[in-house]
Amino acid sequence: MAPVHAGSSMAETPPAAPAQWRPWRFRMSNDLWGSPVVRGGLLYVTSFEVHALDVTSGRRQFKTREVAWAMAVTGGRVIASDGPSLYALDSTDGTDRWRLAGDGWIYSLHAERGTVVTGTRGGGVQAWEAGNGERLWSLSGAQSDFETQETGPVIEGGTVFMWGDGQVYALEARTGSELWRHHVGDATATGGVPVRVRPGPDGVVHIAAGSRVLALDAASGAERWRFDAPAAVLCPPTYVPGYGGQGGVYFADYLGTVYALDPATGDDRWRIPTEARQSSEPVLVADGLVHLGSGNAVYTLDAASGTPRWRFAAGDTIVGSPVVADGRVHFGSEDRCLYTVDAVSGRLNWKLETGGAITGSPAAANGVVFACSTDHCVYALDAARGTRMATSES
């Protein structure tokens, strides 16, 4: 197959990718979904099976035998589920480590510090030892109205956070012991949308529950503050530490209004409208700027003041979340294009037109940006220039 032109930079930007590296494309036999994951020298993507590709050459190192509806890469393991079962592979060579039958259909999977947490249909939650697959604990009674990877139980800092029956629960990850619970209300109180839980590095758990945003003490579950928005919040809040007005809690409601709250009090610092936003992706805050996809455009605002900096319109709905690295913003759209723009000015550096909509969010590492497309291809491009691509075939 002939090389594909990925576009060129509009400005003189020195190459950011390794000197001996060449952009590449790898074509799968089946559909791709989700976001690529970079760990060390390998790129992991889901195309029915999990595929591990060498980040330098694009050559496939291994793939799983089973379908993988959910995947996590942690501690030298690829943990994945085909629905009824859970299995682990060595993350470098794909060697089987263990596999077992789950307690039901696994719809979500997260892993941290040697612990795997799964959510199963009907309100089940389970924890497993990542090293050998030993079941640590299981329980029932979690939420069962929304069964997606994004709405399942999450694990952070040795604590599992889940919700159900109008409560948010914090459980000790290795034992399942309840640490605390906090009432957030039933589906009527939360507006019929999923509760979003986002633990932060500051000892605070931020929760979006319908049109309310709450800050809870991570150790005790005590409420520090709550904020009532005029519309439902579909994404988890983003906490950013900092001084000079840049630290804050940021989120957007489904109307596309972006909010910045004082992290200590929950007071409203500013709010800026964009356009209607159905995305559940959190807003991204980097280098004093807030980036988010709303409708067909990416908006960038000043994190301290909310002043709009720029708006970049794509040809169709923005997919996933923008990724910021080295002063550039990378994002995909259903218009079949991957875009790279300057983070400060919003000026287009380059774009790649693929044969299908971009899936999930791009990934950026070491001067390279990776993206998956519904054209069955995984793309690896020079983050600064795009450039031409060599091609590998499955």
Foldseek 3Di string as FASTA:
>chain_A
DDWDFFFWFPDDDDFQFDPPAFWEKEFDPAFWFAEWDDDDQWIWTARQWIWIAGQRARHTQDTDPGGFQEWDDDDQWIWGDNFQKIFIARPRRRHGQDIDGDPGGWAAWDDDDQKIWTAHAQAKIWIAGNRRGHTQDMDGAFDHPDRHHQQQWYDDPQWIWTHGPQKIWIARRRHRHTQEIDGRGDCVSQVVAGKGWDDDPVQWIWIFRRQKIWIARNRRRHTQEMDGHPGGFLATWDADDDDPQLGFIWGAHQQQKIWTAHPRYRHTQDIDHDGGAPDHAGWDDDPQWTWFFGWQWIWIAGRRRRHTQDIDGDPGGWEATWDDDPQWTWTWGQQQKIWIAGNRRRHTGTMGRHPGGWHHGWDDDSQWIWTGGRSSMIIIARNRTRGIYDYDYD
